[in-house]
Amino acid sequence: MTYYQHHLFFCTNRRPDGAERPSCASCGAQELRAYVKKRMKALGLTGPGRTRVNLAGCLDRCEEGPVLVVYPEGVWYTYVDESDLDEIIEKHILGGQPVTRLMLPPTSDDNSTA
């Protein structure tokens, strides 16, 4: 058994204004990560043996963002708002079924760097 049943990493990278590539922070990633962390605590889903919600630096999928990845499954998601994240919590974290409409492909066609 792993220390956490699920580990959610939210890209919260912020690039300077005018940067060539977008960044997840400019899409509200930090605030939406805080929402998920609070929601998971309210549902009693956090802590050892349960779920951990972390922020991450650049996950290098900026053009598909904002992004989060759920381990140990390695499922990559994009999201727009709290309702998308509620769906991920309900269906993936609680129900064990990835939310296909929000999933990103396992690899990106974009070969640019952070």
N, C-alpha and C. Protein backbone atom coordinates (compact mmCIF):
# COMPACT_ATOMS: atom_id res chain seq x y z
N MET A 1 0.84 -1.19 0.00
CA MET A 1 0.00 0.00 0.00
C MET A 1 0.88 1.25 0.00
N THR A 2 0.49 2.23 -0.76
CA THR A 2 1.25 3.48 -0.79
C THR A 2 0.83 4.37 0.37
N TYR A 3 1.64 5.35 0.64
CA TYR A 3 1.34 6.27 1.75
C TYR A 3 0.03 7.01 1.52
N TYR A 4 -0.22 7.40 0.27
CA TYR A 4 -1.48 8.03 -0.10
C TYR A 4 -2.17 7.17 -1.14
N GLN A 5 -3.47 7.04 -1.02
CA GLN A 5 -4.24 6.32 -2.03
C GLN A 5 -4.23 7.10 -3.34
N HIS A 6 -4.37 8.42 -3.24
CA HIS A 6 -4.29 9.30 -4.41
C HIS A 6 -3.44 10.52 -4.06
N HIS A 7 -2.71 10.99 -5.06
CA HIS A 7 -1.91 12.19 -4.89
C HIS A 7 -2.22 13.09 -6.08
N LEU A 8 -2.75 14.28 -5.81
CA LEU A 8 -3.14 15.23 -6.85
C LEU A 8 -2.10 16.35 -6.91
N PHE A 9 -1.52 16.54 -8.08
CA PHE A 9 -0.56 17.62 -8.29
C PHE A 9 -1.17 18.64 -9.23
N PHE A 10 -1.29 19.87 -8.74
CA PHE A 10 -1.82 20.98 -9.53
C PHE A 10 -0.67 21.85 -10.00
N CYS A 11 -0.54 22.03 -11.31
CA CYS A 11 0.44 22.98 -11.81
C CYS A 11 -0.04 24.37 -11.40
N THR A 12 0.84 25.11 -10.74
CA THR A 12 0.53 26.49 -10.33
C THR A 12 1.61 27.45 -10.84
N ASN A 13 2.31 27.02 -11.87
CA ASN A 13 3.38 27.84 -12.44
C ASN A 13 2.82 29.16 -12.98
N ARG A 14 3.57 30.24 -12.72
CA ARG A 14 3.20 31.56 -13.25
C ARG A 14 4.37 32.11 -14.05
N ARG A 15 4.09 32.39 -15.30
CA ARG A 15 5.09 33.02 -16.16
C ARG A 15 4.85 34.53 -16.14
N PRO A 16 5.88 35.29 -16.47
CA PRO A 16 5.71 36.75 -16.51
C PRO A 16 4.71 37.16 -17.60
N ASP A 17 4.10 38.32 -17.40
CA ASP A 17 3.23 38.88 -18.43
C ASP A 17 4.01 38.98 -19.73
N GLY A 18 3.36 38.63 -20.82
CA GLY A 18 4.00 38.72 -22.12
C GLY A 18 4.85 37.52 -22.49
N ALA A 19 4.89 36.49 -21.64
CA ALA A 19 5.68 35.29 -21.95
C ALA A 19 5.11 34.61 -23.20
N GLU A 20 5.97 33.89 -23.89
CA GLU A 20 5.57 33.20 -25.11
C GLU A 20 4.56 32.09 -24.86
N ARG A 21 4.63 31.47 -23.71
CA ARG A 21 3.73 30.36 -23.38
C ARG A 21 2.79 30.77 -22.26
N PRO A 22 1.59 30.20 -22.25
CA PRO A 22 0.67 30.49 -21.15
C PRO A 22 1.15 29.81 -19.87
N SER A 23 0.49 30.09 -18.78
CA SER A 23 0.80 29.40 -17.52
C SER A 23 -0.50 29.10 -16.79
N CYS A 24 -0.47 28.02 -16.03
CA CYS A 24 -1.68 27.58 -15.33
C CYS A 24 -2.15 28.59 -14.30
N ALA A 25 -1.22 29.28 -13.66
CA ALA A 25 -1.60 30.26 -12.64
C ALA A 25 -2.47 31.37 -13.24
N SER A 26 -2.24 31.71 -14.49
CA SER A 26 -3.05 32.76 -15.12
C SER A 26 -4.47 32.28 -15.41
N CYS A 27 -4.72 30.98 -15.21
CA CYS A 27 -6.06 30.41 -15.39
C CYS A 27 -6.74 30.13 -14.06
N GLY A 28 -6.20 30.67 -12.97
CA GLY A 28 -6.81 30.48 -11.65
C GLY A 28 -6.43 29.19 -10.95
N ALA A 29 -5.34 28.56 -11.36
CA ALA A 29 -4.95 27.26 -10.81
C ALA A 29 -4.72 27.30 -9.29
N GLN A 30 -4.12 28.35 -8.78
CA GLN A 30 -3.84 28.40 -7.35
C GLN A 30 -5.13 28.44 -6.53
N GLU A 31 -6.08 29.26 -6.97
CA GLU A 31 -7.36 29.36 -6.26
C GLU A 31 -8.16 28.06 -6.36
N LEU A 32 -8.13 27.44 -7.54
CA LEU A 32 -8.89 26.20 -7.71
C LEU A 32 -8.24 25.04 -6.97
N ARG A 33 -6.93 25.03 -6.86
CA ARG A 33 -6.26 24.03 -6.03
C ARG A 33 -6.66 24.19 -4.57
N ALA A 34 -6.71 25.43 -4.10
CA ALA A 34 -7.14 25.70 -2.72
C ALA A 34 -8.57 25.22 -2.50
N TYR A 35 -9.41 25.41 -3.50
CA TYR A 35 -10.80 24.93 -3.42
C TYR A 35 -10.82 23.40 -3.24
N VAL A 36 -10.04 22.67 -4.04
CA VAL A 36 -10.02 21.21 -3.95
C VAL A 36 -9.49 20.77 -2.60
N LYS A 37 -8.44 21.41 -2.13
CA LYS A 37 -7.86 21.05 -0.84
C LYS A 37 -8.90 21.21 0.28
N LYS A 38 -9.60 22.32 0.26
CA LYS A 38 -10.64 22.57 1.27
C LYS A 38 -11.79 21.57 1.14
N ARG A 39 -12.19 21.29 -0.08
CA ARG A 39 -13.29 20.36 -0.33
C ARG A 39 -12.92 18.95 0.12
N MET A 40 -11.71 18.52 -0.18
CA MET A 40 -11.25 17.18 0.22
C MET A 40 -11.20 17.05 1.74
N LYS A 41 -10.75 18.10 2.42
CA LYS A 41 -10.74 18.07 3.89
C LYS A 41 -12.15 17.97 4.43
N ALA A 42 -13.07 18.74 3.86
CA ALA A 42 -14.46 18.73 4.31
C ALA A 42 -15.09 17.34 4.14
N LEU A 43 -14.67 16.63 3.11
CA LEU A 43 -15.20 15.29 2.85
C LEU A 43 -14.46 14.21 3.65
N GLY A 44 -13.44 14.60 4.40
CA GLY A 44 -12.67 13.64 5.20
C GLY A 44 -11.79 12.73 4.36
N LEU A 45 -11.33 13.24 3.22
CA LEU A 45 -10.56 12.42 2.29
C LEU A 45 -9.06 12.67 2.33
N THR A 46 -8.58 13.47 3.25
CA THR A 46 -7.15 13.81 3.28
C THR A 46 -6.43 13.05 4.39
N GLY A 47 -5.12 12.98 4.26
CA GLY A 47 -4.28 12.36 5.27
C GLY A 47 -3.72 11.03 4.81
N PRO A 48 -2.81 10.48 5.60
CA PRO A 48 -2.18 9.20 5.25
C PRO A 48 -3.22 8.12 4.95
N GLY A 49 -2.97 7.37 3.88
CA GLY A 49 -3.90 6.33 3.46
C GLY A 49 -5.06 6.85 2.65
N ARG A 50 -5.14 8.18 2.51
CA ARG A 50 -6.24 8.77 1.76
C ARG A 50 -5.69 9.56 0.58
N THR A 51 -5.88 10.86 0.60
CA THR A 51 -5.50 11.70 -0.53
C THR A 51 -4.68 12.90 -0.08
N ARG A 52 -3.74 13.29 -0.91
CA ARG A 52 -2.93 14.50 -0.69
C ARG A 52 -3.09 15.40 -1.91
N VAL A 53 -3.30 16.70 -1.67
CA VAL A 53 -3.43 17.70 -2.73
C VAL A 53 -2.21 18.61 -2.64
N ASN A 54 -1.39 18.61 -3.69
CA ASN A 54 -0.16 19.40 -3.71
C ASN A 54 -0.15 20.39 -4.86
N LEU A 55 0.65 21.43 -4.67
CA LEU A 55 0.92 22.30 -5.81
C LEU A 55 2.23 21.87 -6.42
N ALA A 56 2.36 22.15 -7.69
CA ALA A 56 3.56 21.77 -8.42
C ALA A 56 4.01 22.96 -9.24
N GLY A 57 5.26 22.96 -9.57
CA GLY A 57 5.76 23.93 -10.54
C GLY A 57 5.28 23.51 -11.92
N CYS A 58 5.93 23.98 -12.92
CA CYS A 58 5.52 23.70 -14.29
C CYS A 58 5.52 22.19 -14.57
N LEU A 59 4.41 21.70 -15.08
CA LEU A 59 4.29 20.31 -15.50
C LEU A 59 4.49 20.18 -17.01
N ASP A 60 4.82 21.28 -17.65
CA ASP A 60 5.18 21.35 -19.06
C ASP A 60 4.07 20.93 -20.03
N ARG A 61 2.84 21.23 -19.64
CA ARG A 61 1.70 21.02 -20.54
C ARG A 61 0.89 22.31 -20.58
N CYS A 62 1.58 23.40 -20.59
CA CYS A 62 0.99 24.73 -20.44
C CYS A 62 -0.11 25.04 -21.45
N GLU A 63 0.09 24.62 -22.68
CA GLU A 63 -0.89 24.93 -23.72
C GLU A 63 -2.20 24.17 -23.53
N GLU A 64 -2.19 23.17 -22.65
CA GLU A 64 -3.38 22.37 -22.38
C GLU A 64 -4.01 22.74 -21.04
N GLY A 65 -3.47 23.73 -20.38
CA GLY A 65 -3.80 24.03 -19.00
C GLY A 65 -5.06 24.82 -18.80
N PRO A 66 -5.42 24.94 -17.55
CA PRO A 66 -4.67 24.48 -16.39
C PRO A 66 -4.72 22.95 -16.29
N VAL A 67 -3.69 22.39 -15.67
CA VAL A 67 -3.60 20.94 -15.58
C VAL A 67 -3.37 20.46 -14.15
N LEU A 68 -3.82 19.23 -13.92
CA LEU A 68 -3.50 18.50 -12.71
C LEU A 68 -3.30 17.06 -13.10
N VAL A 69 -2.53 16.35 -12.31
CA VAL A 69 -2.30 14.93 -12.56
C VAL A 69 -2.59 14.17 -11.27
N VAL A 70 -3.27 13.03 -11.43
CA VAL A 70 -3.65 12.20 -10.29
C VAL A 70 -2.81 10.92 -10.32
N TYR A 71 -2.07 10.69 -9.24
CA TYR A 71 -1.29 9.46 -9.10
C TYR A 71 -1.91 8.63 -7.99
N PRO A 72 -1.80 7.30 -8.04
CA PRO A 72 -0.82 6.55 -8.81
C PRO A 72 -1.25 6.24 -10.24
N GLU A 73 -2.46 6.59 -10.63
CA GLU A 73 -2.94 6.23 -11.96
C GLU A 73 -2.23 6.98 -13.08
N GLY A 74 -1.72 8.17 -12.79
CA GLY A 74 -1.07 8.98 -13.82
C GLY A 74 -2.07 9.56 -14.80
N VAL A 75 -3.24 9.91 -14.31
CA VAL A 75 -4.28 10.48 -15.16
C VAL A 75 -4.14 12.01 -15.15
N TRP A 76 -3.99 12.57 -16.35
CA TRP A 76 -3.84 14.01 -16.53
C TRP A 76 -5.19 14.63 -16.86
N TYR A 77 -5.50 15.74 -16.20
CA TYR A 77 -6.75 16.45 -16.43
C TYR A 77 -6.50 17.92 -16.75
N THR A 78 -7.43 18.48 -17.48
CA THR A 78 -7.58 19.92 -17.56
C THR A 78 -8.94 20.23 -16.96
N TYR A 79 -9.14 21.46 -16.54
CA TYR A 79 -10.38 21.84 -15.89
C TYR A 79 -10.61 23.32 -16.11
N VAL A 80 -11.85 23.74 -15.89
CA VAL A 80 -12.18 25.14 -16.08
C VAL A 80 -12.61 25.79 -14.77
N ASP A 81 -13.38 25.05 -13.98
CA ASP A 81 -13.99 25.66 -12.80
C ASP A 81 -14.21 24.62 -11.69
N GLU A 82 -14.83 25.06 -10.61
CA GLU A 82 -15.07 24.20 -9.46
C GLU A 82 -15.94 22.99 -9.82
N SER A 83 -16.89 23.15 -10.72
CA SER A 83 -17.76 22.02 -11.07
C SER A 83 -16.96 20.91 -11.76
N ASP A 84 -15.97 21.27 -12.59
CA ASP A 84 -15.10 20.26 -13.18
C ASP A 84 -14.33 19.52 -12.09
N LEU A 85 -13.82 20.25 -11.13
CA LEU A 85 -13.04 19.64 -10.06
C LEU A 85 -13.92 18.79 -9.15
N ASP A 86 -15.15 19.24 -8.89
CA ASP A 86 -16.10 18.43 -8.11
C ASP A 86 -16.36 17.10 -8.82
N GLU A 87 -16.46 17.14 -10.13
CA GLU A 87 -16.68 15.92 -10.91
C GLU A 87 -15.48 14.97 -10.79
N ILE A 88 -14.27 15.51 -10.81
CA ILE A 88 -13.07 14.68 -10.64
C ILE A 88 -13.07 14.05 -9.25
N ILE A 89 -13.39 14.83 -8.24
CA ILE A 89 -13.45 14.29 -6.87
C ILE A 89 -14.49 13.18 -6.78
N GLU A 90 -15.69 13.46 -7.27
CA GLU A 90 -16.79 12.50 -7.15
C GLU A 90 -16.55 11.23 -7.95
N LYS A 91 -16.19 11.39 -9.21
CA LYS A 91 -16.08 10.22 -10.08
C LYS A 91 -14.74 9.50 -9.97
N HIS A 92 -13.63 10.25 -9.93
CA HIS A 92 -12.31 9.59 -9.91
C HIS A 92 -11.88 9.24 -8.49
N ILE A 93 -11.83 10.22 -7.62
CA ILE A 93 -11.31 9.98 -6.28
C ILE A 93 -12.24 9.09 -5.47
N LEU A 94 -13.53 9.40 -5.47
CA LEU A 94 -14.48 8.60 -4.70
C LEU A 94 -14.96 7.37 -5.46
N GLY A 95 -15.19 7.51 -6.76
CA GLY A 95 -15.78 6.42 -7.53
C GLY A 95 -14.80 5.53 -8.27
N GLY A 96 -13.54 5.95 -8.38
CA GLY A 96 -12.55 5.13 -9.05
C GLY A 96 -12.61 5.14 -10.57
N GLN A 97 -13.41 6.05 -11.15
CA GLN A 97 -13.54 6.12 -12.60
C GLN A 97 -13.04 7.46 -13.12
N PRO A 98 -12.01 7.46 -13.95
CA PRO A 98 -11.54 8.73 -14.51
C PRO A 98 -12.64 9.46 -15.27
N VAL A 99 -12.56 10.77 -15.28
CA VAL A 99 -13.53 11.63 -15.97
C VAL A 99 -13.00 11.84 -17.38
N THR A 100 -13.47 11.04 -18.31
CA THR A 100 -12.90 11.04 -19.66
C THR A 100 -13.03 12.37 -20.36
N ARG A 101 -14.10 13.11 -20.12
CA ARG A 101 -14.27 14.38 -20.84
C ARG A 101 -13.22 15.43 -20.44
N LEU A 102 -12.59 15.25 -19.29
CA LEU A 102 -11.59 16.21 -18.81
C LEU A 102 -10.15 15.69 -18.95
N MET A 103 -10.01 14.44 -19.36
CA MET A 103 -8.67 13.84 -19.46
C MET A 103 -7.87 14.40 -20.62
N LEU A 104 -6.59 14.53 -20.38
CA LEU A 104 -5.63 14.87 -21.43
C LEU A 104 -4.98 13.57 -21.90
N PRO A 105 -4.48 13.55 -23.12
CA PRO A 105 -3.76 12.35 -23.55
C PRO A 105 -2.52 12.16 -22.68
N PRO A 106 -2.00 10.92 -22.59
CA PRO A 106 -0.85 10.67 -21.73
C PRO A 106 0.40 11.47 -22.09
N THR A 107 0.55 11.83 -23.34
CA THR A 107 1.69 12.64 -23.75
C THR A 107 1.20 13.80 -24.58
N SER A 108 1.99 14.83 -24.61
CA SER A 108 1.65 16.03 -25.37
C SER A 108 2.37 16.02 -26.70
N ASP A 109 1.74 16.55 -27.72
CA ASP A 109 2.40 16.70 -29.02
C ASP A 109 3.36 17.88 -29.00
N ASP A 110 3.26 18.72 -27.99
CA ASP A 110 4.10 19.91 -27.87
C ASP A 110 5.44 19.53 -27.28
N ASN A 111 6.52 19.78 -27.96
CA ASN A 111 7.85 19.43 -27.47
C ASN A 111 8.62 20.62 -26.92
N SER A 112 7.91 21.72 -26.61
CA SER A 112 8.60 22.89 -26.08
C SER A 112 8.99 22.65 -24.63
N THR A 113 9.85 23.52 -24.11
CA THR A 113 10.34 23.37 -22.75
C THR A 113 9.79 24.47 -21.86
N ALA A 114 9.89 24.27 -20.58
CA ALA A 114 9.35 25.20 -19.59
C ALA A 114 10.04 26.52 -19.60
